[in-house]
C-alpha atoms as a PDB file:
ATOM      1  CA  MET A   1       0.025  -0.075   0.093  1.00  0.00           C
ATOM      2  CA  SER A   2       1.345   3.698  -1.083  1.00  0.00           C
ATOM      3  CA  VAL A   3       1.887   6.041   2.206  1.00  0.00           C
ATOM      4  CA  SER A   4      -1.165   8.278   0.561  1.00  0.00           C
ATOM      5  CA  GLY A   5      -3.326   5.071   0.632  1.00  0.00           C
ATOM      6  CA  MET A   6      -2.015   4.700   4.282  1.00  0.00           C
ATOM      7  CA  LYS A   7      -2.449   8.038   4.926  1.00  0.00           C
ATOM      8  CA  LYS A   8      -5.964   8.312   3.866  1.00  0.00           C
ATOM      9  CA  GLN A   9      -7.172   5.182   6.043  1.00  0.00           C
ATOM     10  CA  LEU A  10      -5.436   6.419   8.972  1.00  0.00           C
ATOM     11  CA  HIS A  11      -7.619   9.821   8.635  1.00  0.00           C
ATOM     12  CA  LYS A  12     -10.604   7.466   8.326  1.00  0.00           C
ATOM     13  CA  ALA A  13      -9.878   5.292  11.401  1.00  0.00           C
ATOM     14  CA  SER A  14      -9.200   8.718  13.488  1.00  0.00           C
ATOM     15  CA  GLN A  15     -12.330  10.216  11.974  1.00  0.00           C
ATOM     16  CA  LEU A  16     -14.747   7.331  13.001  1.00  0.00           C
ATOM     17  CA  LEU A  17     -12.677   6.894  15.796  1.00  0.00           C
ATOM     18  CA  ASN A  18     -13.862  10.436  17.466  1.00  0.00           C
ATOM     19  CA  GLU A  19     -17.803  10.192  15.609  1.00  0.00           C
ATOM     20  CA  ARG A  20     -17.751   7.065  18.235  1.00  0.00           C
ATOM     21  CA  LEU A  21     -16.055   8.398  21.838  1.00  0.00           C
ATOM     22  CA  MET A  22     -17.708  12.330  20.729  1.00  0.00           C
ATOM     23  CA  GLY A  23     -20.848  10.610  19.450  1.00  0.00           C
ATOM     24  CA  ALA A  24     -21.158  12.832  16.507  1.00  0.00           C
ATOM     25  CA  GLU A  25     -23.561  11.163  13.959  1.00  0.00           C
ATOM     26  CA  GLY A  26     -21.387  10.613  10.378  1.00  0.00           C
ATOM     27  CA  THR A  27     -22.525  12.497   7.658  1.00  0.00           C
ATOM     28  CA  LYS A  28     -24.835  11.190   6.104  1.00  0.00           C
ATOM     29  CA  LEU A  29     -26.034  10.328   2.409  1.00  0.00           C
ATOM     30  CA  ASP A  30     -28.420  11.532  -0.165  1.00  0.00           C
ATOM     31  CA  GLU A  31     -30.263   8.928  -2.256  1.00  0.00           C
ATOM     32  CA  ASP A  32     -28.825  10.059  -5.649  1.00  0.00           C
ATOM     33  CA  PHE A  33     -25.150   9.734  -4.294  1.00  0.00           C
ATOM     34  CA  LEU A  34     -26.143   5.934  -2.792  1.00  0.00           C
ATOM     35  CA  LYS A  35     -28.003   5.293  -5.885  1.00  0.00           C
ATOM     36  CA  MET A  36     -25.107   6.577  -8.713  1.00  0.00           C
ATOM     37  CA  GLU A  37     -23.384   4.440  -6.490  1.00  0.00           C
ATOM     38  CA  LYS A  38     -24.779   1.774  -7.770  1.00  0.00           C
ATOM     39  CA  SER A  39     -24.777   2.235 -10.767  1.00  0.00           C
ATOM     40  CA  VAL A  40     -21.482   2.728 -10.863  1.00  0.00           C
ATOM     41  CA  THR A  41     -20.124  -0.275  -9.127  1.00  0.00           C
ATOM     42  CA  ALA A  42     -22.399  -1.953 -11.656  1.00  0.00           C
ATOM     43  CA  ILE A  43     -20.584  -0.629 -14.435  1.00  0.00           C
ATOM     44  CA  HIS A  44     -17.377  -1.423 -12.843  1.00  0.00           C
ATOM     45  CA  ILE A  45     -18.523  -4.805 -12.854  1.00  0.00           C
ATOM     46  CA  LEU A  46     -19.856  -4.960 -16.360  1.00  0.00           C
ATOM     47  CA  LEU A  47     -17.022  -3.134 -17.716  1.00  0.00           C
ATOM     48  CA  ALA A  48     -14.423  -5.468 -15.727  1.00  0.00           C
ATOM     49  CA  GLU A  49     -17.048  -9.038 -17.372  1.00  0.00           C
ATOM     50  CA  LEU A  50     -16.419  -7.214 -21.493  1.00  0.00           C
ATOM     51  CA  LEU A  51     -12.441  -7.374 -20.541  1.00  0.00           C
ATOM     52  CA  SER A  52     -11.793 -10.406 -20.274  1.00  0.00           C
ATOM     53  CA  LYS A  53     -14.219 -11.547 -22.354  1.00  0.00           C
ATOM     54  CA  THR A  54     -12.834  -9.070 -25.185  1.00  0.00           C
ATOM     55  CA  THR A  55      -9.134 -10.440 -23.972  1.00  0.00           C
ATOM     56  CA  GLU A  56     -10.164 -13.604 -24.204  1.00  0.00           C
ATOM     57  CA  PHE A  57     -11.713 -12.743 -27.992  1.00  0.00           C
ATOM     58  CA  LEU A  58      -8.380 -10.959 -29.183  1.00  0.00           C
ATOM     59  CA  GLN A  59      -5.885 -14.001 -28.425  1.00  0.00           C
ATOM     60  CA  PRO A  60      -4.874 -15.851 -30.529  1.00  0.00           C
ATOM     61  CA  ASN A  61      -5.794 -20.181 -30.197  1.00  0.00           C
ATOM     62  CA  PRO A  62      -3.012 -21.366 -30.994  1.00  0.00           C
ATOM     63  CA  VAL A  63      -4.681 -25.144 -31.018  1.00  0.00           C
ATOM     64  CA  SER A  64      -6.975 -23.537 -33.717  1.00  0.00           C
ATOM     65  CA  GLN A  65      -5.170 -22.085 -36.219  1.00  0.00           C
ATOM     66  CA  GLU A  66      -2.322 -24.987 -35.507  1.00  0.00           C
ATOM     67  CA  LEU A  67      -5.354 -27.006 -37.092  1.00  0.00           C
ATOM     68  CA  SER A  68      -5.622 -24.781 -40.004  1.00  0.00           C
ATOM     69  CA  ASN A  69      -2.285 -25.141 -40.828  1.00  0.00           C
ATOM     70  CA  ILE A  70      -1.979 -28.732 -40.937  1.00  0.00           C
ATOM     71  CA  LYS A  71      -5.505 -28.553 -43.208  1.00  0.00           C
ATOM     72  CA  THR A  72      -3.211 -26.844 -45.631  1.00  0.00           C
END
C-alpha cells in the first residue's frame, strides 16, 4: 500500500474513532448519491467482465491455428 493510501486509511480510522467517542453523527448520504454509487458499481463490474471477454476474444487460440496450418 502506498504512503498516501495509508494516510487516507489512518484519517478514516481517526475520524470514525472521533465520531464514536464524541457521539458525533456521521455524514448522511443523500438518495441520489447512493443510486449513483450503485450504478457506478454495476458499470464497473460490467466493464471488468467485458474486458476479460474481449481479451479472450482477441487472444489467438493456438490449437485452432495449428489445425488450420495442418489442413493447408
